[in-house]
Amino acid sequence: MGLFTSINTAASGMSVQRLRNDVIANNIANVSTVRNEDGTPFRRSEVITRPIEEGPQWHSPYLPKSLDTGIGKGVRLVEIQVDRATENNYVYDPNHPDAIKSGPRAGFREMPNIDIVKEMVNMLDATRAYEANASVIEGSKSMFQTALDIGRR
């Protein structure tokens, strides 16, 4: 395992978590956006990630090969996906110009599919993951500094 592998792995995690926070902030900012360019309400976005698997991975010398899955190389962004599976919210407002005129939802207007509580929980999760990765980098730096101090003695 290389000297900077832990820092590189944590840095990839920090990068993805920062992006996740940006996407969540965009969702929260658009909680009231009822019309996009195409005339439909805003739809929330999600960050889709996968582990980085290419390249050699470190394996423990103490575990049997059948139990050792190796240590990953970090995380990568696959895509920022629009959530089309979650149904939009509806608010009863028959006097609004965007209100549905007929049918079972007459008098309701379509709102974005954003649940502010879910977004805040996701933001808290992304923030904590970012902080955990920052702690890994700080711990690695401290370990490297200690190793250098031992070498000076």
Protein backbone atom coordinates (compact mmCIF):
# COMPACT_ATOMS: atom_id res chain seq x y z
CA MET A 1 0.00 0.00 0.00
CA GLY A 2 1.42 3.36 -0.99
CA LEU A 3 2.17 6.12 1.45
CA PHE A 4 -0.58 8.39 0.20
CA THR A 5 -3.28 5.77 -0.50
CA SER A 6 -5.28 6.65 2.61
CA ILE A 7 -5.15 10.35 1.74
CA ASN A 8 -6.17 9.71 -1.88
CA THR A 9 -9.06 7.47 -0.79
CA ALA A 10 -10.31 10.01 1.75
CA ALA A 11 -9.88 12.87 -0.73
CA SER A 12 -12.09 11.09 -3.27
CA GLY A 13 -14.71 10.69 -0.54
CA MET A 14 -14.47 14.35 0.40
CA SER A 15 -14.90 15.37 -3.22
CA VAL A 16 -18.04 13.25 -3.66
CA GLN A 17 -19.55 14.39 -0.35
CA ARG A 18 -18.98 18.04 -1.27
CA LEU A 19 -20.76 17.41 -4.56
CA ARG A 20 -23.57 15.64 -2.70
CA ASN A 21 -23.97 18.68 -0.44
CA ASP A 22 -24.11 20.94 -3.52
CA VAL A 23 -26.85 18.82 -5.12
CA ILE A 24 -28.84 18.74 -1.86
CA ALA A 25 -28.50 22.52 -1.52
CA ASN A 26 -29.81 22.88 -5.08
CA ASN A 27 -32.79 20.67 -4.19
CA ILE A 28 -33.57 22.76 -1.12
CA ALA A 29 -33.19 26.01 -3.07
CA ASN A 30 -35.75 24.76 -5.61
CA VAL A 31 -38.35 23.52 -3.14
CA SER A 32 -40.79 26.16 -4.43
CA THR A 33 -39.87 26.06 -8.14
CA VAL A 34 -43.12 25.11 -9.84
CA ARG A 35 -42.03 25.74 -13.43
CA ASN A 36 -38.87 24.69 -15.23
CA GLU A 37 -38.07 25.59 -18.82
CA ASP A 38 -40.42 22.81 -19.94
CA GLY A 39 -43.26 24.09 -17.71
CA THR A 40 -43.14 21.22 -15.21
CA PRO A 41 -42.22 21.44 -11.51
CA PHE A 42 -38.61 20.97 -10.45
CA ARG A 43 -37.60 17.35 -9.76
CA ARG A 44 -35.04 16.55 -7.08
CA SER A 45 -31.62 15.25 -8.05
CA GLU A 46 -29.55 12.48 -6.50
CA VAL A 47 -25.82 11.71 -6.65
CA ILE A 48 -25.04 8.15 -7.76
CA THR A 49 -21.59 6.86 -6.72
CA ARG A 50 -19.61 3.64 -7.05
CA PRO A 51 -16.33 2.45 -5.54
CA ILE A 52 -13.19 2.86 -7.59
CA GLU A 53 -12.13 -0.70 -8.33
CA GLU A 54 -9.44 -0.54 -11.02
CA GLY A 55 -5.79 -0.88 -10.16
CA PRO A 56 -4.02 -2.98 -7.54
CA GLN A 57 -5.50 -3.13 -4.08
CA TRP A 58 -3.81 -3.75 -0.79
CA HIS A 59 -4.50 -7.11 0.86
CA SER A 60 -3.92 -8.02 4.47
CA PRO A 61 -1.02 -10.42 5.07
CA TYR A 62 -2.87 -11.78 8.13
CA LEU A 63 -6.20 -12.83 6.61
CA PRO A 64 -6.78 -15.86 4.39
CA LYS A 65 -7.38 -14.83 0.76
CA SER A 66 -10.98 -16.12 0.96
CA LEU A 67 -11.83 -13.60 3.71
CA ASP A 68 -9.77 -10.65 2.47
CA THR A 69 -11.76 -8.39 0.16
CA GLY A 70 -9.00 -5.79 -0.03
CA ILE A 71 -9.24 -2.10 0.64
CA GLY A 72 -10.89 0.06 -1.99
CA LYS A 73 -9.30 2.95 -3.80
CA GLY A 74 -12.02 5.45 -3.01
CA VAL A 75 -15.29 6.48 -4.56
CA ARG A 76 -16.25 7.99 -7.90
CA LEU A 77 -19.25 9.83 -9.28
CA VAL A 78 -21.35 7.81 -11.72
CA GLU A 79 -24.01 10.43 -12.44
CA ILE A 80 -26.30 13.06 -11.03
CA GLN A 81 -29.70 11.51 -11.60
CA VAL A 82 -33.10 13.22 -11.62
CA ASP A 83 -35.53 11.42 -9.29
CA ARG A 84 -38.47 10.47 -11.48
CA ALA A 85 -39.66 7.61 -9.25
CA THR A 86 -40.96 9.84 -6.44
CA GLU A 87 -44.31 11.43 -7.15
CA ASN A 88 -44.61 15.20 -7.01
CA ASN A 89 -46.38 16.87 -4.10
CA TYR A 90 -49.78 18.51 -4.54
CA VAL A 91 -51.10 21.58 -2.75
CA TYR A 92 -54.77 22.60 -2.78
CA ASP A 93 -54.91 26.12 -4.22
CA PRO A 94 -57.84 26.43 -6.66
CA ASN A 95 -57.26 30.16 -7.30
CA HIS A 96 -53.65 29.72 -8.46
CA PRO A 97 -53.11 30.01 -12.25
CA ASP A 98 -51.22 26.68 -12.27
CA ALA A 99 -54.03 24.79 -10.51
CA ILE A 100 -55.29 21.68 -12.29
CA LYS A 101 -58.60 22.56 -13.94
CA SER A 102 -60.33 19.16 -14.16
CA GLY A 103 -60.04 15.56 -13.07
CA PRO A 104 -59.51 13.95 -9.66
CA ARG A 105 -56.90 16.56 -8.70
CA ALA A 106 -58.93 19.60 -9.73
CA GLY A 107 -57.97 22.64 -7.65
CA PHE A 108 -54.56 21.22 -6.74
CA ARG A 109 -51.28 22.51 -8.11
CA GLU A 110 -48.25 20.34 -8.68
CA MET A 111 -45.19 21.07 -6.57
CA PRO A 112 -41.63 19.65 -6.64
CA ASN A 113 -41.05 16.15 -5.24
CA ILE A 114 -38.76 17.49 -2.52
CA ASP A 115 -39.19 16.42 1.10
CA ILE A 116 -37.30 19.07 3.06
CA VAL A 117 -36.81 16.76 6.08
CA LYS A 118 -35.29 14.04 3.89
CA GLU A 119 -33.01 16.60 2.24
CA MET A 120 -31.83 17.91 5.62
CA VAL A 121 -31.09 14.36 6.82
CA ASN A 122 -29.17 13.69 3.59
CA MET A 123 -27.24 16.93 4.06
CA LEU A 124 -26.34 15.96 7.62
CA ASP A 125 -25.20 12.55 6.38
CA ALA A 126 -23.04 14.09 3.64
CA THR A 127 -21.54 16.60 6.09
CA ARG A 128 -20.64 13.87 8.59
CA ALA A 129 -19.11 11.71 5.86
CA TYR A 130 -17.06 14.70 4.69
CA GLU A 131 -15.87 15.29 8.26
CA ALA A 132 -14.96 11.60 8.67
CA ASN A 133 -12.85 11.71 5.52
CA ALA A 134 -11.19 14.92 6.73
CA SER A 135 -10.35 13.12 10.00
CA VAL A 136 -8.72 10.29 8.04
CA ILE A 137 -6.53 12.80 6.22
CA GLU A 138 -5.63 14.55 9.47
CA GLY A 139 -4.79 11.19 11.10
CA SER A 140 -2.60 10.23 8.14
CA LYS A 141 -0.78 13.55 8.31
CA SER A 142 -0.20 13.08 12.02
CA MET A 143 1.10 9.55 11.47
CA PHE A 144 3.47 10.74 8.73
CA GLN A 145 4.74 13.56 10.96
CA THR A 146 5.37 11.13 13.81
CA ALA A 147 7.28 8.83 11.47
CA LEU A 148 9.43 11.76 10.32
CA ASP A 149 10.09 12.76 13.94
CA ILE A 150 11.22 9.22 14.75
CA GLY A 151 13.59 9.32 11.77
CA ARG A 152 15.21 12.54 13.08
CA ARG A 153 16.17 11.02 16.41
